[in-house]
Amino acid sequence: MNGAARTAIVPDKGRNLKLEVICYGRIHNMSKLKTNRAAAKRFKVTGSGKIKHYKAYASHLLSAKTTKRKRNLRRSELVSEREVKNVKRLIPYL
């Protein structure tokens, strides 16, 4: 593999990961991607790898909503397929 570029993820102190790119025998450190902390608190990953979130409109003005509607708002749901790419961009290490 002379002259080929390859990447390696090397554990740093603690939980941090450092991405190293080895190209032509030299090691180049890549900067780590930052996680959007607001998004990290709102999305979770299921066991099968799908992303779930909780529904909106359940925090106030609840007297105007029916009991059935409030009950359905308590459930979480999966992120739509078209939005998965955007969520993964916000949370790269999800």
PDB file of N, CA and C in Angstrom:
ATOM      1  N   MET A   1       0.825  -1.195   0.000  1.00  0.00           N
ATOM      2  CA  MET A   1       0.000   0.000   0.000  1.00  0.00           C
ATOM      3  C   MET A   1       0.866   1.254   0.000  1.00  0.00           C
ATOM      4  N   ASN A   2       1.857   1.285  -0.804  1.00  0.00           N
ATOM      5  CA  ASN A   2       2.752   2.417  -0.859  1.00  0.00           C
ATOM      6  C   ASN A   2       2.074   3.598  -1.548  1.00  0.00           C
ATOM      7  N   GLY A   3       2.014   4.744  -0.850  1.00  0.00           N
ATOM      8  CA  GLY A   3       1.447   5.936  -1.441  1.00  0.00           C
ATOM      9  C   GLY A   3      -0.064   6.058  -1.311  1.00  0.00           C
ATOM     10  N   ALA A   4      -0.726   5.067  -0.740  1.00  0.00           N
ATOM     11  CA  ALA A   4      -2.185   5.133  -0.617  1.00  0.00           C
ATOM     12  C   ALA A   4      -2.563   5.832   0.679  1.00  0.00           C
ATOM     13  N   ALA A   5      -3.703   6.542   0.658  1.00  0.00           N
ATOM     14  CA  ALA A   5      -4.193   7.219   1.855  1.00  0.00           C
ATOM     15  C   ALA A   5      -5.134   6.290   2.599  1.00  0.00           C
ATOM     16  N   ARG A   6      -5.018   6.279   3.922  1.00  0.00           N
ATOM     17  CA  ARG A   6      -5.950   5.502   4.739  1.00  0.00           C
ATOM     18  C   ARG A   6      -6.226   6.279   6.012  1.00  0.00           C
ATOM     19  N   THR A   7      -7.382   6.039   6.611  1.00  0.00           N
ATOM     20  CA  THR A   7      -7.753   6.754   7.824  1.00  0.00           C
ATOM     21  C   THR A   7      -7.777   5.802   8.993  1.00  0.00           C
ATOM     22  N   ALA A   8      -7.548   6.353  10.173  1.00  0.00           N
ATOM     23  CA  ALA A   8      -7.607   5.576  11.398  1.00  0.00           C
ATOM     24  C   ALA A   8      -8.177   6.469  12.494  1.00  0.00           C
ATOM     25  N   ILE A   9      -9.071   5.921  13.290  1.00  0.00           N
ATOM     26  CA  ILE A   9      -9.616   6.665  14.422  1.00  0.00           C
ATOM     27  C   ILE A   9      -8.855   6.216  15.659  1.00  0.00           C
ATOM     28  N   VAL A  10      -8.181   7.146  16.276  1.00  0.00           N
ATOM     29  CA  VAL A  10      -7.314   6.832  17.408  1.00  0.00           C
ATOM     30  C   VAL A  10      -7.926   7.414  18.672  1.00  0.00           C
ATOM     31  N   PRO A  11      -8.077   6.613  19.748  1.00  0.00           N
ATOM     32  CA  PRO A  11      -8.629   7.168  20.983  1.00  0.00           C
ATOM     33  C   PRO A  11      -7.669   8.159  21.620  1.00  0.00           C
ATOM     34  N   ASP A  12      -8.213   9.278  22.032  1.00  0.00           N
ATOM     35  CA  ASP A  12      -7.447  10.316  22.697  1.00  0.00           C
ATOM     36  C   ASP A  12      -7.692  10.176  24.192  1.00  0.00           C
ATOM     37  N   LYS A  13      -7.276  11.126  24.983  1.00  0.00           N
ATOM     38  CA  LYS A  13      -7.546  11.072  26.424  1.00  0.00           C
ATOM     39  C   LYS A  13      -9.055  11.133  26.652  1.00  0.00           C
ATOM     40  N   GLY A  14      -9.573  10.276  27.490  1.00  0.00           N
ATOM     41  CA  GLY A  14     -11.003  10.269  27.793  1.00  0.00           C
ATOM     42  C   GLY A  14     -11.817   9.694  26.653  1.00  0.00           C
ATOM     43  N   ARG A  15     -12.967  10.310  26.355  1.00  0.00           N
ATOM     44  CA  ARG A  15     -13.884   9.809  25.334  1.00  0.00           C
ATOM     45  C   ARG A  15     -13.612  10.402  23.960  1.00  0.00           C
ATOM     46  N   ASN A  16     -12.706  11.359  23.868  1.00  0.00           N
ATOM     47  CA  ASN A  16     -12.489  12.050  22.602  1.00  0.00           C
ATOM     48  C   ASN A  16     -11.854  11.126  21.571  1.00  0.00           C
ATOM     49  N   LEU A  17     -12.221  11.330  20.338  1.00  0.00           N
ATOM     50  CA  LEU A  17     -11.631  10.577  19.242  1.00  0.00           C
ATOM     51  C   LEU A  17     -10.883  11.536  18.343  1.00  0.00           C
ATOM     52  N   LYS A  18      -9.732  11.099  17.890  1.00  0.00           N
ATOM     53  CA  LYS A  18      -8.929  11.899  16.985  1.00  0.00           C
ATOM     54  C   LYS A  18      -8.875  11.157  15.657  1.00  0.00           C
ATOM     55  N   LEU A  19      -9.172  11.838  14.591  1.00  0.00           N
ATOM     56  CA  LEU A  19      -9.145  11.223  13.268  1.00  0.00           C
ATOM     57  C   LEU A  19      -7.789  11.505  12.642  1.00  0.00           C
ATOM     58  N   GLU A  20      -7.080  10.449  12.306  1.00  0.00           N
ATOM     59  CA  GLU A  20      -5.776  10.605  11.674  1.00  0.00           C
ATOM     60  C   GLU A  20      -5.839  10.072  10.250  1.00  0.00           C
ATOM     61  N   VAL A  21      -5.333  10.834   9.322  1.00  0.00           N
ATOM     62  CA  VAL A  21      -5.242  10.408   7.932  1.00  0.00           C
ATOM     63  C   VAL A  21      -3.772  10.144   7.646  1.00  0.00           C
ATOM     64  N   ILE A  22      -3.480   8.931   7.212  1.00  0.00           N
ATOM     65  CA  ILE A  22      -2.110   8.563   6.889  1.00  0.00           C
ATOM     66  C   ILE A  22      -1.971   8.600   5.369  1.00  0.00           C
ATOM     67  N   CYS A  23      -1.170   9.508   4.880  1.00  0.00           N
ATOM     68  CA  CYS A  23      -1.016   9.698   3.438  1.00  0.00           C
ATOM     69  C   CYS A  23       0.468   9.785   3.123  1.00  0.00           C
ATOM     70  N   TYR A  24       0.925   8.924   2.258  1.00  0.00           N
ATOM     71  CA  TYR A  24       2.321   8.874   1.865  1.00  0.00           C
ATOM     72  C   TYR A  24       3.254   8.749   3.070  1.00  0.00           C
ATOM     73  N   GLY A  25       2.831   7.969   4.058  1.00  0.00           N
ATOM     74  CA  GLY A  25       3.660   7.705   5.225  1.00  0.00           C
ATOM     75  C   GLY A  25       3.637   8.788   6.283  1.00  0.00           C
ATOM     76  N   ARG A  26       2.943   9.882   6.058  1.00  0.00           N
ATOM     77  CA  ARG A  26       2.856  10.960   7.040  1.00  0.00           C
ATOM     78  C   ARG A  26       1.498  10.935   7.715  1.00  0.00           C
ATOM     79  N   ILE A  27       1.473  11.293   8.981  1.00  0.00           N
ATOM     80  CA  ILE A  27       0.227  11.317   9.750  1.00  0.00           C
ATOM     81  C   ILE A  27      -0.270  12.758   9.812  1.00  0.00           C
ATOM     82  N   HIS A  28      -1.506  12.968   9.368  1.00  0.00           N
ATOM     83  CA  HIS A  28      -2.134  14.284   9.404  1.00  0.00           C
ATOM     84  C   HIS A  28      -3.332  14.208  10.342  1.00  0.00           C
ATOM     85  N   ASN A  29      -3.394  15.096  11.336  1.00  0.00           N
ATOM     86  CA  ASN A  29      -4.517  15.120  12.264  1.00  0.00           C
ATOM     87  C   ASN A  29      -5.657  15.937  11.664  1.00  0.00           C
ATOM     88  N   MET A  30      -6.834  15.339  11.658  1.00  0.00           N
ATOM     89  CA  MET A  30      -8.022  16.024  11.170  1.00  0.00           C
ATOM     90  C   MET A  30      -8.759  16.611  12.375  1.00  0.00           C
ATOM     91  N   SER A  31      -9.430  17.711  12.175  1.00  0.00           N
ATOM     92  CA  SER A  31     -10.200  18.292  13.265  1.00  0.00           C
ATOM     93  C   SER A  31     -11.459  17.465  13.491  1.00  0.00           C
ATOM     94  N   LYS A  32     -11.934  17.450  14.738  1.00  0.00           N
ATOM     95  CA  LYS A  32     -13.140  16.696  15.071  1.00  0.00           C
ATOM     96  C   LYS A  32     -14.371  17.519  14.701  1.00  0.00           C
ATOM     97  N   LEU A  33     -15.426  16.834  14.315  1.00  0.00           N
ATOM     98  CA  LEU A  33     -16.679  17.513  14.007  1.00  0.00           C
ATOM     99  C   LEU A  33     -17.405  17.826  15.299  1.00  0.00           C
ATOM    100  N   LYS A  34     -18.012  18.996  15.368  1.00  0.00           N
ATOM    101  CA  LYS A  34     -18.757  19.361  16.570  1.00  0.00           C
ATOM    102  C   LYS A  34     -20.196  18.892  16.457  1.00  0.00           C
ATOM    103  N   THR A  35     -20.715  18.387  17.568  1.00  0.00           N
ATOM    104  CA  THR A  35     -22.109  17.977  17.648  1.00  0.00           C
ATOM    105  C   THR A  35     -22.956  19.175  18.026  1.00  0.00           C
ATOM    106  N   ASN A  36     -24.082  19.347  17.357  1.00  0.00           N
ATOM    107  CA  ASN A  36     -25.037  20.381  17.732  1.00  0.00           C
ATOM    108  C   ASN A  36     -25.731  19.919  19.007  1.00  0.00           C
ATOM    109  N   ARG A  37     -25.471  20.581  20.128  1.00  0.00           N
ATOM    110  CA  ARG A  37     -25.949  20.114  21.431  1.00  0.00           C
ATOM    111  C   ARG A  37     -27.471  20.187  21.547  1.00  0.00           C
ATOM    112  N   ALA A  38     -28.095  21.146  20.898  1.00  0.00           N
ATOM    113  CA  ALA A  38     -29.557  21.239  20.939  1.00  0.00           C
ATOM    114  C   ALA A  38     -30.181  20.026  20.260  1.00  0.00           C
ATOM    115  N   ALA A  39     -29.608  19.610  19.134  1.00  0.00           N
ATOM    116  CA  ALA A  39     -30.132  18.449  18.418  1.00  0.00           C
ATOM    117  C   ALA A  39     -29.840  17.160  19.177  1.00  0.00           C
ATOM    118  N   ALA A  40     -28.691  17.091  19.841  1.00  0.00           N
ATOM    119  CA  ALA A  40     -28.320  15.874  20.569  1.00  0.00           C
ATOM    120  C   ALA A  40     -29.297  15.581  21.702  1.00  0.00           C
ATOM    121  N   LYS A  41     -29.904  16.615  22.267  1.00  0.00           N
ATOM    122  CA  LYS A  41     -30.860  16.422  23.360  1.00  0.00           C
ATOM    123  C   LYS A  41     -32.241  16.025  22.854  1.00  0.00           C
ATOM    124  N   ARG A  42     -32.509  16.206  21.573  1.00  0.00           N
ATOM    125  CA  ARG A  42     -33.853  15.976  21.039  1.00  0.00           C
ATOM    126  C   ARG A  42     -34.011  14.683  20.265  1.00  0.00           C
ATOM    127  N   PHE A  43     -32.924  14.048  19.883  1.00  0.00           N
ATOM    128  CA  PHE A  43     -33.000  12.834  19.063  1.00  0.00           C
ATOM    129  C   PHE A  43     -32.285  11.680  19.751  1.00  0.00           C
ATOM    130  N   LYS A  44     -32.823  10.477  19.593  1.00  0.00           N
ATOM    131  CA  LYS A  44     -32.215   9.252  20.118  1.00  0.00           C
ATOM    132  C   LYS A  44     -32.206   8.218  19.001  1.00  0.00           C
ATOM    133  N   VAL A  45     -31.349   7.215  19.148  1.00  0.00           N
ATOM    134  CA  VAL A  45     -31.261   6.153  18.154  1.00  0.00           C
ATOM    135  C   VAL A  45     -31.921   4.902  18.712  1.00  0.00           C
ATOM    136  N   THR A  46     -32.726   4.232  17.890  1.00  0.00           N
ATOM    137  CA  THR A  46     -33.360   2.984  18.306  1.00  0.00           C
ATOM    138  C   THR A  46     -32.357   1.844  18.168  1.00  0.00           C
ATOM    139  N   GLY A  47     -32.730   0.672  18.621  1.00  0.00           N
ATOM    140  CA  GLY A  47     -31.853  -0.483  18.527  1.00  0.00           C
ATOM    141  C   GLY A  47     -31.545  -0.880  17.104  1.00  0.00           C
ATOM    142  N   SER A  48     -32.465  -0.605  16.195  1.00  0.00           N
ATOM    143  CA  SER A  48     -32.252  -0.960  14.787  1.00  0.00           C
ATOM    144  C   SER A  48     -31.531   0.143  14.009  1.00  0.00           C
ATOM    145  N   GLY A  49     -31.169   1.240  14.689  1.00  0.00           N
ATOM    146  CA  GLY A  49     -30.407   2.299  14.031  1.00  0.00           C
ATOM    147  C   GLY A  49     -31.234   3.446  13.491  1.00  0.00           C
ATOM    148  N   LYS A  50     -32.556   3.402  13.668  1.00  0.00           N
ATOM    149  CA  LYS A  50     -33.392   4.507  13.204  1.00  0.00           C
ATOM    150  C   LYS A  50     -33.358   5.632  14.245  1.00  0.00           C
ATOM    151  N   ILE A  51     -33.718   6.831  13.821  1.00  0.00           N
ATOM    152  CA  ILE A  51     -33.688   7.992  14.709  1.00  0.00           C
ATOM    153  C   ILE A  51     -35.103   8.345  15.109  1.00  0.00           C
ATOM    154  N   LYS A  52     -35.319   8.531  16.415  1.00  0.00           N
ATOM    155  CA  LYS A  52     -36.658   8.884  16.891  1.00  0.00           C
ATOM    156  C   LYS A  52     -36.632  10.242  17.581  1.00  0.00           C
ATOM    157  N   HIS A  53     -37.796  10.874  17.653  1.00  0.00           N
ATOM    158  CA  HIS A  53     -37.939  12.163  18.319  1.00  0.00           C
ATOM    159  C   HIS A  53     -39.331  12.236  18.928  1.00  0.00           C
ATOM    160  N   TYR A  54     -39.506  13.187  19.848  1.00  0.00           N
ATOM    161  CA  TYR A  54     -40.809  13.384  20.453  1.00  0.00           C
ATOM    162  C   TYR A  54     -41.585  14.440  19.684  1.00  0.00           C
ATOM    163  N   LYS A  55     -42.884  14.340  19.702  1.00  0.00           N
ATOM    164  CA  LYS A  55     -43.736  15.232  18.921  1.00  0.00           C
ATOM    165  C   LYS A  55     -43.826  16.619  19.554  1.00  0.00           C
ATOM    166  N   ALA A  56     -44.121  17.585  18.722  1.00  0.00           N
ATOM    167  CA  ALA A  56     -44.260  18.970  19.163  1.00  0.00           C
ATOM    168  C   ALA A  56     -45.705  19.248  19.588  1.00  0.00           C
ATOM    169  N   TYR A  57     -45.956  20.445  20.077  1.00  0.00           N
ATOM    170  CA  TYR A  57     -47.295  20.948  20.440  1.00  0.00           C
ATOM    171  C   TYR A  57     -47.866  20.285  21.692  1.00  0.00           C
ATOM    172  N   ALA A  58     -47.018  19.789  22.602  1.00  0.00           N
ATOM    173  CA  ALA A  58     -47.533  19.129  23.795  1.00  0.00           C
ATOM    174  C   ALA A  58     -47.171  19.870  25.074  1.00  0.00           C
ATOM    175  N   SER A  59     -46.694  21.099  24.977  1.00  0.00           N
ATOM    176  CA  SER A  59     -46.189  21.766  26.175  1.00  0.00           C
ATOM    177  C   SER A  59     -47.131  22.814  26.761  1.00  0.00           C
ATOM    178  N   HIS A  60     -47.938  23.477  25.950  1.00  0.00           N
ATOM    179  CA  HIS A  60     -48.842  24.492  26.507  1.00  0.00           C
ATOM    180  C   HIS A  60     -50.110  24.579  25.656  1.00  0.00           C
ATOM    181  N   LEU A  61     -51.081  25.346  26.143  1.00  0.00           N
ATOM    182  CA  LEU A  61     -52.417  25.464  25.543  1.00  0.00           C
ATOM    183  C   LEU A  61     -53.089  24.090  25.435  1.00  0.00           C
ATOM    184  N   LEU A  62     -52.944  23.300  26.480  1.00  0.00           N
ATOM    185  CA  LEU A  62     -53.444  21.931  26.440  1.00  0.00           C
ATOM    186  C   LEU A  62     -54.954  21.846  26.672  1.00  0.00           C
ATOM    187  N   SER A  63     -55.548  22.886  27.254  1.00  0.00           N
ATOM    188  CA  SER A  63     -56.994  22.828  27.504  1.00  0.00           C
ATOM    189  C   SER A  63     -57.788  22.869  26.197  1.00  0.00           C
ATOM    190  N   ALA A  64     -57.194  23.426  25.149  1.00  0.00           N
ATOM    191  CA  ALA A  64     -57.887  23.501  23.869  1.00  0.00           C
ATOM    192  C   ALA A  64     -57.760  22.212  23.064  1.00  0.00           C
ATOM    193  N   LYS A  65     -56.889  21.313  23.495  1.00  0.00           N
ATOM    194  CA  LYS A  65     -56.667  20.069  22.750  1.00  0.00           C
ATOM    195  C   LYS A  65     -57.486  18.947  23.373  1.00  0.00           C
ATOM    196  N   THR A  66     -57.949  18.035  22.548  1.00  0.00           N
ATOM    197  CA  THR A  66     -58.733  16.915  23.053  1.00  0.00           C
ATOM    198  C   THR A  66     -57.833  15.918  23.767  1.00  0.00           C
ATOM    199  N   THR A  67     -58.455  15.076  24.590  1.00  0.00           N
ATOM    200  CA  THR A  67     -57.703  14.071  25.329  1.00  0.00           C
ATOM    201  C   THR A  67     -56.998  13.104  24.384  1.00  0.00           C
ATOM    202  N   LYS A  68     -57.666  12.727  23.315  1.00  0.00           N
ATOM    203  CA  LYS A  68     -57.074  11.814  22.345  1.00  0.00           C
ATOM    204  C   LYS A  68     -55.842  12.434  21.681  1.00  0.00           C
ATOM    205  N   ARG A  69     -55.964  13.714  21.351  1.00  0.00           N
ATOM    206  CA  ARG A  69     -54.844  14.396  20.707  1.00  0.00           C
ATOM    207  C   ARG A  69     -53.644  14.501  21.649  1.00  0.00           C
ATOM    208  N   LYS A  70     -53.904  14.816  22.921  1.00  0.00           N
ATOM    209  CA  LYS A  70     -52.812  14.915  23.897  1.00  0.00           C
ATOM    210  C   LYS A  70     -52.183  13.550  24.151  1.00  0.00           C
ATOM    211  N   ARG A  71     -52.987  12.510  24.161  1.00  0.00           N
ATOM    212  CA  ARG A  71     -52.471  11.155  24.352  1.00  0.00           C
ATOM    213  C   ARG A  71     -51.547  10.758  23.197  1.00  0.00           C
ATOM    214  N   ASN A  72     -51.940  11.091  21.971  1.00  0.00           N
ATOM    215  CA  ASN A  72     -51.117  10.772  20.808  1.00  0.00           C
ATOM    216  C   ASN A  72     -49.842  11.607  20.753  1.00  0.00           C
ATOM    217  N   LEU A  73     -49.854  12.795  21.341  1.00  0.00           N
ATOM    218  CA  LEU A  73     -48.658  13.631  21.363  1.00  0.00           C
ATOM    219  C   LEU A  73     -47.605  13.102  22.335  1.00  0.00           C
ATOM    220  N   ARG A  74     -48.005  12.241  23.277  1.00  0.00           N
ATOM    221  CA  ARG A  74     -47.045  11.673  24.228  1.00  0.00           C
ATOM    222  C   ARG A  74     -46.110  10.675  23.573  1.00  0.00           C
ATOM    223  N   ARG A  75     -46.525  10.074  22.485  1.00  0.00           N
ATOM    224  CA  ARG A  75     -45.719   9.040  21.827  1.00  0.00           C
ATOM    225  C   ARG A  75     -44.587   9.665  21.019  1.00  0.00           C
ATOM    226  N   SER A  76     -43.487   8.947  20.934  1.00  0.00           N
ATOM    227  CA  SER A  76     -42.403   9.393  20.053  1.00  0.00           C
ATOM    228  C   SER A  76     -42.645   8.806  18.667  1.00  0.00           C
ATOM    229  N   GLU A  77     -41.990   9.370  17.691  1.00  0.00           N
ATOM    230  CA  GLU A  77     -42.118   8.836  16.339  1.00  0.00           C
ATOM    231  C   GLU A  77     -40.756   8.889  15.653  1.00  0.00           C
ATOM    232  N   LEU A  78     -40.640   8.185  14.549  1.00  0.00           N
ATOM    233  CA  LEU A  78     -39.380   8.130  13.825  1.00  0.00           C
ATOM    234  C   LEU A  78     -39.224   9.359  12.939  1.00  0.00           C
ATOM    235  N   VAL A  79     -37.985   9.772  12.748  1.00  0.00           N
ATOM    236  CA  VAL A  79     -37.687  10.878  11.852  1.00  0.00           C
ATOM    237  C   VAL A  79     -37.945  10.406  10.425  1.00  0.00           C
ATOM    238  N   SER A  80     -38.542  11.261   9.614  1.00  0.00           N
ATOM    239  CA  SER A  80     -38.838  10.876   8.240  1.00  0.00           C
ATOM    240  C   SER A  80     -37.543  10.642   7.466  1.00  0.00           C
ATOM    241  N   GLU A  81     -37.645   9.830   6.428  1.00  0.00           N
ATOM    242  CA  GLU A  81     -36.455   9.445   5.665  1.00  0.00           C
ATOM    243  C   GLU A  81     -35.749  10.638   5.039  1.00  0.00           C
ATOM    244  N   ARG A  82     -36.498  11.644   4.642  1.00  0.00           N
ATOM    245  CA  ARG A  82     -35.872  12.798   3.998  1.00  0.00           C
ATOM    246  C   ARG A  82     -35.129  13.680   4.996  1.00  0.00           C
ATOM    247  N   GLU A  83     -35.438  13.569   6.301  1.00  0.00           N
ATOM    248  CA  GLU A  83     -34.776  14.394   7.307  1.00  0.00           C
ATOM    249  C   GLU A  83     -33.615  13.685   8.002  1.00  0.00           C
ATOM    250  N   VAL A  84     -33.452  12.389   7.786  1.00  0.00           N
ATOM    251  CA  VAL A  84     -32.400  11.626   8.465  1.00  0.00           C
ATOM    252  C   VAL A  84     -31.024  12.186   8.128  1.00  0.00           C
ATOM    253  N   LYS A  85     -30.803  12.552   6.880  1.00  0.00           N
ATOM    254  CA  LYS A  85     -29.514  13.094   6.452  1.00  0.00           C
ATOM    255  C   LYS A  85     -29.190  14.392   7.197  1.00  0.00           C
ATOM    256  N   ASN A  86     -30.191  15.249   7.377  1.00  0.00           N
ATOM    257  CA  ASN A  86     -29.979  16.517   8.082  1.00  0.00           C
ATOM    258  C   ASN A  86     -29.670  16.294   9.553  1.00  0.00           C
ATOM    259  N   VAL A  87     -30.364  15.344  10.186  1.00  0.00           N
ATOM    260  CA  VAL A  87     -30.127  15.064  11.600  1.00  0.00           C
ATOM    261  C   VAL A  87     -28.732  14.475  11.789  1.00  0.00           C
ATOM    262  N   LYS A  88     -28.325  13.586  10.906  1.00  0.00           N
ATOM    263  CA  LYS A  88     -26.993  12.989  11.022  1.00  0.00           C
ATOM    264  C   LYS A  88     -25.893  14.026  10.805  1.00  0.00           C
ATOM    265  N   ARG A  89     -26.172  15.047  10.041  1.00  0.00           N
ATOM    266  CA  ARG A  89     -25.188  16.117   9.862  1.00  0.00           C
ATOM    267  C   ARG A  89     -25.039  16.925  11.147  1.00  0.00           C
ATOM    268  N   LEU A  90     -26.144  17.102  11.876  1.00  0.00           N
ATOM    269  CA  LEU A  90     -26.087  17.829  13.151  1.00  0.00           C
ATOM    270  C   LEU A  90     -25.437  17.007  14.251  1.00  0.00           C
ATOM    271  N   ILE A  91     -25.629  15.689  14.197  1.00  0.00           N
ATOM    272  CA  ILE A  91     -25.097  14.801  15.246  1.00  0.00           C
ATOM    273  C   ILE A  91     -24.211  13.758  14.567  1.00  0.00           C
ATOM    274  N   PRO A  92     -22.967  14.093  14.237  1.00  0.00           N
ATOM    275  CA  PRO A  92     -22.140  13.189  13.439  1.00  0.00           C
ATOM    276  C   PRO A  92     -21.772  11.880  14.141  1.00  0.00           C
ATOM    277  N   TYR A  93     -21.702  11.855  15.458  1.00  0.00           N
ATOM    278  CA  TYR A  93     -21.290  10.640  16.171  1.00  0.00           C
ATOM    279  C   TYR A  93     -22.482   9.930  16.797  1.00  0.00           C
ATOM    280  N   LEU A  94     -23.631  10.065  16.185  1.00  0.00           N
ATOM    281  CA  LEU A  94     -24.864   9.466  16.701  1.00  0.00           C
ATOM    282  C   LEU A  94     -24.850   7.976  16.520  1.00  0.00           C
TER     283      LEU A  94
END
